[in-house]
Amino acid sequence: MRRLILFASGLLAACTPGGLASSNSGAWIAATTITVNLTLEAPSSTAYGTSGGYAPAVTVVPVGSTIRFVNTDGFAHTATLIPGASSFPPGSPFTASALTQAGTAISQPWSTGSLAAGAASQTITIDRAGVYLYGCFYHYGAPMRGAIVAQ
């Protein structure tokens, strides 16, 4: 009977925002959606180079959660993965493909596409631990760059 109650509780929680997700150890952890704000935030120094434009500049998240980018600025922005980077490249690494929404997993190539003022992106699932650097197609040199640390 106890197993049935735990199973039913897990099913109900997994179907609700902020519910539960299974970790690799089989334990249940709270699933959350973290919002990263796209705005022309002042530049700051990070372990990966100069960051700016995203709040927070470095977002630390648990595996199993999701991230959504919200543009509260008056200009269009993107948040686009810089694949395999351990520091921010000096010049923009993006092509026009960054302007099209793609991907839903942090460990695969993804981009929010061009987000107009007030728009929100697709959710991106944090499916693997690691450091993921990203930036804005339009304002990379501003420097509009950020990092996601998944653990």
N, C-alpha and C. Protein backbone atom coordinates (compact mmCIF):
# COMPACT_ATOMS: atom_id res chain seq x y z
N MET A 1 0.83 -1.19 0.00
CA MET A 1 0.00 0.00 0.00
C MET A 1 0.87 1.26 0.00
N ARG A 2 1.96 1.24 0.79
CA ARG A 2 2.85 2.40 0.85
C ARG A 2 3.46 2.69 -0.52
N ARG A 3 3.86 1.66 -1.26
CA ARG A 3 4.41 1.86 -2.60
C ARG A 3 3.39 2.49 -3.53
N LEU A 4 2.14 2.06 -3.44
CA LEU A 4 1.09 2.62 -4.28
C LEU A 4 0.90 4.10 -3.97
N ILE A 5 0.92 4.48 -2.72
CA ILE A 5 0.75 5.88 -2.33
C ILE A 5 1.93 6.70 -2.85
N LEU A 6 3.16 6.20 -2.68
CA LEU A 6 4.34 6.92 -3.18
C LEU A 6 4.29 7.06 -4.69
N PHE A 7 3.91 6.00 -5.39
CA PHE A 7 3.80 6.03 -6.84
C PHE A 7 2.77 7.07 -7.28
N ALA A 8 1.60 7.05 -6.68
CA ALA A 8 0.54 8.00 -7.03
C ALA A 8 0.97 9.43 -6.71
N SER A 9 1.65 9.64 -5.59
CA SER A 9 2.13 10.98 -5.24
C SER A 9 3.12 11.47 -6.28
N GLY A 10 4.02 10.58 -6.70
CA GLY A 10 5.00 10.95 -7.72
C GLY A 10 4.36 11.32 -9.03
N LEU A 11 3.35 10.57 -9.44
CA LEU A 11 2.65 10.87 -10.69
C LEU A 11 1.96 12.21 -10.62
N LEU A 12 1.28 12.49 -9.54
CA LEU A 12 0.58 13.77 -9.40
C LEU A 12 1.55 14.93 -9.38
N ALA A 13 2.64 14.80 -8.63
CA ALA A 13 3.62 15.88 -8.55
C ALA A 13 4.31 16.12 -9.87
N ALA A 14 4.61 15.06 -10.61
CA ALA A 14 5.30 15.20 -11.89
C ALA A 14 4.43 15.89 -12.93
N CYS A 15 3.15 15.92 -12.74
CA CYS A 15 2.24 16.53 -13.71
C CYS A 15 1.94 17.97 -13.38
N THR A 16 2.56 18.53 -12.35
CA THR A 16 2.28 19.90 -11.95
C THR A 16 3.55 20.73 -12.04
N PRO A 17 3.40 22.06 -12.32
CA PRO A 17 4.58 22.91 -12.32
C PRO A 17 5.23 22.86 -10.95
N GLY A 18 6.55 22.79 -10.90
CA GLY A 18 7.25 22.72 -9.63
C GLY A 18 7.10 21.35 -8.99
N GLY A 19 6.74 20.35 -9.77
CA GLY A 19 6.55 19.00 -9.24
C GLY A 19 7.87 18.31 -8.98
N LEU A 20 7.89 17.00 -9.08
CA LEU A 20 9.09 16.25 -8.79
C LEU A 20 9.66 15.64 -10.06
N ALA A 21 10.96 15.45 -10.06
CA ALA A 21 11.63 14.76 -11.16
C ALA A 21 12.59 13.75 -10.55
N SER A 22 12.85 12.68 -11.25
CA SER A 22 13.75 11.66 -10.76
C SER A 22 15.19 12.03 -11.07
N SER A 23 16.08 11.88 -10.10
CA SER A 23 17.50 12.11 -10.33
C SER A 23 18.15 10.81 -10.75
N ASN A 24 19.43 10.86 -11.12
CA ASN A 24 20.15 9.65 -11.52
C ASN A 24 20.24 8.63 -10.40
N SER A 25 20.19 9.08 -9.14
CA SER A 25 20.29 8.16 -8.02
C SER A 25 18.95 7.49 -7.72
N GLY A 26 17.90 7.90 -8.40
CA GLY A 26 16.57 7.34 -8.15
C GLY A 26 15.81 8.14 -7.11
N ALA A 27 16.46 9.11 -6.47
CA ALA A 27 15.78 9.94 -5.48
C ALA A 27 14.93 10.98 -6.21
N TRP A 28 13.90 11.46 -5.54
CA TRP A 28 13.05 12.49 -6.13
C TRP A 28 13.57 13.86 -5.74
N ILE A 29 13.66 14.77 -6.72
CA ILE A 29 14.09 16.13 -6.46
C ILE A 29 13.03 17.07 -7.01
N ALA A 30 12.97 18.28 -6.45
CA ALA A 30 11.99 19.25 -6.93
C ALA A 30 12.38 19.73 -8.32
N ALA A 31 11.44 19.73 -9.24
CA ALA A 31 11.67 20.26 -10.60
C ALA A 31 11.26 21.72 -10.60
N THR A 32 12.13 22.57 -11.14
CA THR A 32 11.84 24.00 -11.15
C THR A 32 12.16 24.57 -12.52
N THR A 33 11.53 25.69 -12.82
CA THR A 33 11.87 26.44 -14.02
C THR A 33 12.52 27.73 -13.58
N ILE A 34 13.73 27.98 -14.04
CA ILE A 34 14.49 29.17 -13.69
C ILE A 34 14.34 30.16 -14.83
N THR A 35 14.10 31.41 -14.50
CA THR A 35 13.97 32.45 -15.51
C THR A 35 15.25 33.26 -15.58
N VAL A 36 15.78 33.41 -16.78
CA VAL A 36 16.93 34.27 -17.02
C VAL A 36 16.42 35.48 -17.80
N ASN A 37 16.70 36.66 -17.29
CA ASN A 37 16.21 37.90 -17.86
C ASN A 37 17.16 38.41 -18.94
N LEU A 38 16.63 38.71 -20.12
CA LEU A 38 17.41 39.30 -21.20
C LEU A 38 17.20 40.80 -21.15
N THR A 39 18.23 41.51 -20.79
CA THR A 39 18.20 42.96 -20.71
C THR A 39 19.63 43.46 -20.88
N LEU A 40 19.82 44.70 -21.08
CA LEU A 40 21.18 45.21 -21.25
C LEU A 40 21.81 45.45 -19.88
N GLU A 41 22.00 44.36 -19.13
CA GLU A 41 22.63 44.36 -17.81
C GLU A 41 24.10 44.77 -17.96
N ALA A 42 24.63 45.52 -16.98
CA ALA A 42 26.02 45.98 -17.03
C ALA A 42 26.99 44.80 -17.08
N PRO A 43 28.10 44.95 -17.80
CA PRO A 43 29.11 43.88 -17.86
C PRO A 43 29.71 43.59 -16.49
N SER A 44 30.08 42.32 -16.29
CA SER A 44 30.75 41.89 -15.06
C SER A 44 31.75 40.81 -15.42
N SER A 45 32.72 40.62 -14.54
CA SER A 45 33.74 39.61 -14.77
C SER A 45 33.27 38.28 -14.21
N THR A 46 33.42 37.20 -15.00
CA THR A 46 33.08 35.85 -14.54
C THR A 46 34.28 34.95 -14.79
N ALA A 47 34.19 33.72 -14.35
CA ALA A 47 35.26 32.75 -14.57
C ALA A 47 35.44 32.43 -16.06
N TYR A 48 34.48 32.81 -16.90
CA TYR A 48 34.48 32.47 -18.32
C TYR A 48 34.83 33.65 -19.21
N GLY A 49 35.05 34.81 -18.60
CA GLY A 49 35.32 36.05 -19.33
C GLY A 49 34.27 37.08 -18.97
N THR A 50 34.27 38.18 -19.68
CA THR A 50 33.32 39.26 -19.40
C THR A 50 31.93 38.87 -19.86
N SER A 51 30.98 39.04 -18.96
CA SER A 51 29.58 38.71 -19.22
C SER A 51 28.76 39.98 -19.05
N GLY A 52 27.57 39.98 -19.61
CA GLY A 52 26.66 41.10 -19.43
C GLY A 52 25.39 40.82 -20.19
N GLY A 53 24.38 41.65 -19.91
CA GLY A 53 23.14 41.55 -20.67
C GLY A 53 22.15 40.52 -20.19
N TYR A 54 22.57 39.56 -19.39
CA TYR A 54 21.65 38.55 -18.86
C TYR A 54 21.67 38.64 -17.34
N ALA A 55 20.54 38.47 -16.73
CA ALA A 55 20.46 38.49 -15.27
C ALA A 55 19.82 37.19 -14.81
N PRO A 56 20.56 36.33 -14.12
CA PRO A 56 21.95 36.53 -13.68
C PRO A 56 22.95 36.22 -14.79
N ALA A 57 24.18 36.72 -14.62
CA ALA A 57 25.24 36.48 -15.60
C ALA A 57 25.64 35.01 -15.61
N VAL A 58 25.70 34.41 -14.43
CA VAL A 58 25.99 32.98 -14.29
C VAL A 58 24.82 32.38 -13.52
N THR A 59 24.16 31.41 -14.12
CA THR A 59 23.00 30.76 -13.52
C THR A 59 23.39 29.35 -13.12
N VAL A 60 23.29 29.03 -11.83
CA VAL A 60 23.60 27.70 -11.33
C VAL A 60 22.29 26.95 -11.13
N VAL A 61 22.16 25.79 -11.78
CA VAL A 61 20.90 25.05 -11.76
C VAL A 61 21.14 23.56 -11.54
N PRO A 62 20.18 22.88 -10.92
CA PRO A 62 20.31 21.43 -10.78
C PRO A 62 19.86 20.70 -12.05
N VAL A 63 20.50 19.58 -12.33
CA VAL A 63 20.06 18.73 -13.43
C VAL A 63 18.62 18.32 -13.13
N GLY A 64 17.77 18.34 -14.14
CA GLY A 64 16.36 18.01 -13.98
C GLY A 64 15.46 19.22 -14.00
N SER A 65 16.04 20.42 -13.84
CA SER A 65 15.23 21.63 -13.90
C SER A 65 15.17 22.13 -15.34
N THR A 66 14.48 23.23 -15.55
CA THR A 66 14.40 23.84 -16.86
C THR A 66 14.71 25.32 -16.75
N ILE A 67 15.10 25.91 -17.87
CA ILE A 67 15.39 27.35 -17.94
C ILE A 67 14.52 27.95 -19.02
N ARG A 68 14.05 29.14 -18.77
CA ARG A 68 13.30 29.92 -19.76
C ARG A 68 13.92 31.32 -19.78
N PHE A 69 14.10 31.87 -20.97
CA PHE A 69 14.63 33.21 -21.12
C PHE A 69 13.47 34.16 -21.39
N VAL A 70 13.45 35.30 -20.70
CA VAL A 70 12.39 36.29 -20.86
C VAL A 70 13.04 37.62 -21.21
N ASN A 71 12.57 38.23 -22.29
CA ASN A 71 13.11 39.51 -22.74
C ASN A 71 12.30 40.66 -22.14
N THR A 72 12.88 41.31 -21.14
CA THR A 72 12.21 42.46 -20.52
C THR A 72 12.80 43.78 -21.03
N ASP A 73 13.62 43.70 -22.05
CA ASP A 73 14.25 44.87 -22.64
C ASP A 73 13.39 45.39 -23.80
N GLY A 74 13.72 46.54 -24.32
CA GLY A 74 12.98 47.11 -25.44
C GLY A 74 13.52 46.71 -26.80
N PHE A 75 14.57 45.88 -26.83
CA PHE A 75 15.21 45.44 -28.08
C PHE A 75 15.10 43.93 -28.22
N ALA A 76 15.17 43.45 -29.44
CA ALA A 76 15.19 42.00 -29.68
C ALA A 76 16.52 41.43 -29.21
N HIS A 77 16.49 40.22 -28.66
CA HIS A 77 17.69 39.52 -28.20
C HIS A 77 17.55 38.04 -28.52
N THR A 78 18.68 37.33 -28.46
CA THR A 78 18.68 35.87 -28.50
C THR A 78 19.49 35.37 -27.31
N ALA A 79 19.33 34.11 -26.99
CA ALA A 79 20.23 33.39 -26.09
C ALA A 79 20.57 32.13 -26.88
N THR A 80 21.83 32.00 -27.29
CA THR A 80 22.25 30.92 -28.18
C THR A 80 23.49 30.24 -27.62
N LEU A 81 23.45 28.93 -27.54
CA LEU A 81 24.58 28.15 -27.04
C LEU A 81 25.82 28.37 -27.89
N ILE A 82 26.97 28.44 -27.20
CA ILE A 82 28.28 28.45 -27.85
C ILE A 82 28.85 27.05 -27.61
N PRO A 83 28.66 26.12 -28.54
CA PRO A 83 29.02 24.71 -28.30
C PRO A 83 30.50 24.52 -27.99
N GLY A 84 30.77 23.73 -26.93
CA GLY A 84 32.13 23.33 -26.59
C GLY A 84 33.03 24.41 -26.03
N ALA A 85 32.52 25.60 -25.76
CA ALA A 85 33.36 26.69 -25.28
C ALA A 85 33.60 26.59 -23.77
N SER A 86 34.84 26.87 -23.35
CA SER A 86 35.16 26.93 -21.93
C SER A 86 35.38 28.38 -21.49
N SER A 87 35.47 29.28 -22.46
CA SER A 87 35.51 30.72 -22.21
C SER A 87 34.85 31.41 -23.40
N PHE A 88 34.46 32.66 -23.20
CA PHE A 88 33.78 33.38 -24.28
C PHE A 88 34.77 33.72 -25.40
N PRO A 89 34.46 33.34 -26.64
CA PRO A 89 35.33 33.70 -27.77
C PRO A 89 35.38 35.23 -27.91
N PRO A 90 36.51 35.78 -28.41
CA PRO A 90 36.62 37.23 -28.53
C PRO A 90 35.65 37.84 -29.55
N GLY A 91 35.37 37.12 -30.62
CA GLY A 91 34.44 37.61 -31.64
C GLY A 91 33.17 36.78 -31.63
N SER A 92 32.13 37.30 -32.22
CA SER A 92 30.85 36.58 -32.25
C SER A 92 30.98 35.22 -32.94
N PRO A 93 30.52 34.16 -32.26
CA PRO A 93 30.58 32.82 -32.85
C PRO A 93 29.31 32.43 -33.61
N PHE A 94 28.37 33.37 -33.78
CA PHE A 94 27.05 33.02 -34.28
C PHE A 94 26.87 33.28 -35.77
N THR A 95 26.01 32.45 -36.37
CA THR A 95 25.56 32.66 -37.75
C THR A 95 24.08 33.04 -37.67
N ALA A 96 23.49 33.31 -38.81
CA ALA A 96 22.07 33.69 -38.86
C ALA A 96 21.15 32.60 -38.31
N SER A 97 21.63 31.38 -38.17
CA SER A 97 20.79 30.31 -37.60
C SER A 97 20.41 30.60 -36.15
N ALA A 98 21.16 31.46 -35.47
CA ALA A 98 20.84 31.84 -34.09
C ALA A 98 19.51 32.58 -34.01
N LEU A 99 19.03 33.11 -35.11
CA LEU A 99 17.79 33.88 -35.12
C LEU A 99 16.54 32.99 -35.16
N THR A 100 16.74 31.68 -35.30
CA THR A 100 15.64 30.73 -35.35
C THR A 100 15.64 29.85 -34.11
N GLN A 101 14.49 29.74 -33.46
CA GLN A 101 14.38 28.91 -32.27
C GLN A 101 14.74 27.46 -32.59
N ALA A 102 15.55 26.86 -31.72
CA ALA A 102 15.96 25.47 -31.93
C ALA A 102 16.36 24.86 -30.59
N GLY A 103 16.10 23.58 -30.43
CA GLY A 103 16.57 22.82 -29.28
C GLY A 103 15.78 23.02 -28.01
N THR A 104 15.77 21.95 -27.20
CA THR A 104 15.08 22.02 -25.91
C THR A 104 15.88 21.33 -24.80
N ALA A 105 17.12 20.92 -25.09
CA ALA A 105 17.97 20.28 -24.09
C ALA A 105 19.29 21.04 -24.01
N ILE A 106 19.75 21.30 -22.80
CA ILE A 106 20.97 22.09 -22.59
C ILE A 106 22.20 21.46 -23.23
N SER A 107 22.23 20.13 -23.33
CA SER A 107 23.42 19.44 -23.83
C SER A 107 23.47 19.34 -25.36
N GLN A 108 22.48 19.85 -26.03
CA GLN A 108 22.42 19.84 -27.50
C GLN A 108 22.39 21.29 -28.00
N PRO A 109 22.75 21.55 -29.25
CA PRO A 109 22.67 22.93 -29.75
C PRO A 109 21.26 23.51 -29.56
N TRP A 110 21.19 24.74 -29.04
CA TRP A 110 19.90 25.39 -28.83
C TRP A 110 20.03 26.90 -29.03
N SER A 111 18.91 27.50 -29.36
CA SER A 111 18.80 28.95 -29.45
C SER A 111 17.36 29.34 -29.17
N THR A 112 17.18 30.46 -28.52
CA THR A 112 15.84 30.97 -28.28
C THR A 112 15.24 31.55 -29.55
N GLY A 113 16.10 31.79 -30.55
CA GLY A 113 15.66 32.54 -31.71
C GLY A 113 15.53 34.00 -31.30
N SER A 114 15.14 34.84 -32.22
CA SER A 114 14.98 36.26 -31.93
C SER A 114 13.75 36.48 -31.05
N LEU A 115 13.98 37.00 -29.85
CA LEU A 115 12.88 37.27 -28.91
C LEU A 115 12.60 38.77 -28.88
N ALA A 116 11.42 39.15 -29.31
CA ALA A 116 11.01 40.55 -29.26
C ALA A 116 10.80 40.97 -27.80
N ALA A 117 10.72 42.26 -27.58
CA ALA A 117 10.46 42.78 -26.24
C ALA A 117 9.21 42.13 -25.66
N GLY A 118 9.31 41.64 -24.43
CA GLY A 118 8.18 41.03 -23.75
C GLY A 118 7.99 39.55 -24.04
N ALA A 119 8.77 38.97 -24.95
CA ALA A 119 8.60 37.56 -25.32
C ALA A 119 9.38 36.64 -24.39
N ALA A 120 8.94 35.38 -24.33
CA ALA A 120 9.63 34.35 -23.55
C ALA A 120 10.00 33.20 -24.49
N SER A 121 11.07 32.52 -24.15
CA SER A 121 11.57 31.42 -24.98
C SER A 121 10.88 30.11 -24.64
N GLN A 122 11.22 29.09 -25.42
CA GLN A 122 10.88 27.72 -25.09
C GLN A 122 11.61 27.37 -23.79
N THR A 123 11.17 26.33 -23.10
CA THR A 123 11.93 25.88 -21.94
C THR A 123 13.04 24.95 -22.41
N ILE A 124 14.16 25.06 -21.75
CA ILE A 124 15.33 24.24 -22.06
C ILE A 124 15.59 23.35 -20.86
N THR A 125 15.57 22.05 -21.08
CA THR A 125 15.75 21.08 -20.00
C THR A 125 17.22 20.91 -19.67
N ILE A 126 17.53 20.95 -18.40
CA ILE A 126 18.90 20.74 -17.93
C ILE A 126 19.07 19.23 -17.79
N ASP A 127 19.56 18.62 -18.86
CA ASP A 127 19.63 17.15 -18.92
C ASP A 127 21.01 16.58 -18.61
N ARG A 128 22.03 17.44 -18.48
CA ARG A 128 23.38 16.94 -18.23
C ARG A 128 24.19 18.00 -17.48
N ALA A 129 24.96 17.57 -16.49
CA ALA A 129 25.83 18.47 -15.75
C ALA A 129 26.91 19.03 -16.67
N GLY A 130 27.33 20.26 -16.41
CA GLY A 130 28.39 20.88 -17.19
C GLY A 130 28.24 22.39 -17.19
N VAL A 131 29.15 23.05 -17.88
CA VAL A 131 29.11 24.50 -18.04
C VAL A 131 28.74 24.79 -19.48
N TYR A 132 27.72 25.61 -19.67
CA TYR A 132 27.19 25.94 -20.99
C TYR A 132 27.22 27.46 -21.17
N LEU A 133 28.02 27.91 -22.11
CA LEU A 133 28.13 29.34 -22.40
C LEU A 133 27.20 29.70 -23.55
N TYR A 134 26.65 30.90 -23.50
CA TYR A 134 25.72 31.34 -24.54
C TYR A 134 25.84 32.85 -24.71
N GLY A 135 25.24 33.37 -25.77
CA GLY A 135 25.29 34.79 -26.01
C GLY A 135 24.17 35.24 -26.93
N CYS A 136 24.14 36.55 -27.16
CA CYS A 136 23.13 37.17 -28.02
C CYS A 136 23.70 37.43 -29.41
N PHE A 137 22.99 36.98 -30.42
CA PHE A 137 23.40 37.20 -31.81
C PHE A 137 23.60 38.70 -32.08
N TYR A 138 22.68 39.53 -31.62
CA TYR A 138 22.70 40.96 -31.92
C TYR A 138 23.74 41.74 -31.11
N HIS A 139 23.97 41.34 -29.86
CA HIS A 139 24.74 42.17 -28.94
C HIS A 139 25.92 41.43 -28.29
N TYR A 140 26.47 40.43 -28.96
CA TYR A 140 27.55 39.64 -28.37
C TYR A 140 28.72 40.53 -27.96
N GLY A 141 29.04 41.53 -28.76
CA GLY A 141 30.16 42.42 -28.46
C GLY A 141 29.88 43.43 -27.38
N ALA A 142 28.66 43.53 -26.88
CA ALA A 142 28.26 44.55 -25.91
C ALA A 142 28.88 44.45 -24.51
N PRO A 143 29.23 43.38 -23.89
CA PRO A 143 29.14 41.97 -24.25
C PRO A 143 27.91 41.31 -23.65
N MET A 144 27.00 40.87 -24.48
CA MET A 144 25.81 40.16 -23.99
C MET A 144 26.10 38.67 -24.07
N ARG A 145 26.59 38.15 -22.93
CA ARG A 145 27.04 36.76 -22.80
C ARG A 145 26.68 36.26 -21.41
N GLY A 146 26.42 34.95 -21.30
CA GLY A 146 26.08 34.39 -20.00
C GLY A 146 26.53 32.94 -19.91
N ALA A 147 26.40 32.38 -18.71
CA ALA A 147 26.79 31.00 -18.47
C ALA A 147 25.74 30.29 -17.63
N ILE A 148 25.55 29.01 -17.94
CA ILE A 148 24.70 28.14 -17.14
C ILE A 148 25.60 27.04 -16.59
N VAL A 149 25.60 26.90 -15.27
CA VAL A 149 26.36 25.85 -14.62
C VAL A 149 25.34 24.82 -14.11
N ALA A 150 25.32 23.67 -14.74
CA ALA A 150 24.37 22.61 -14.39
C ALA A 150 25.08 21.60 -13.51
N GLN A 151 24.48 21.30 -12.34
CA GLN A 151 25.10 20.34 -11.43
C GLN A 151 24.09 19.42 -10.81
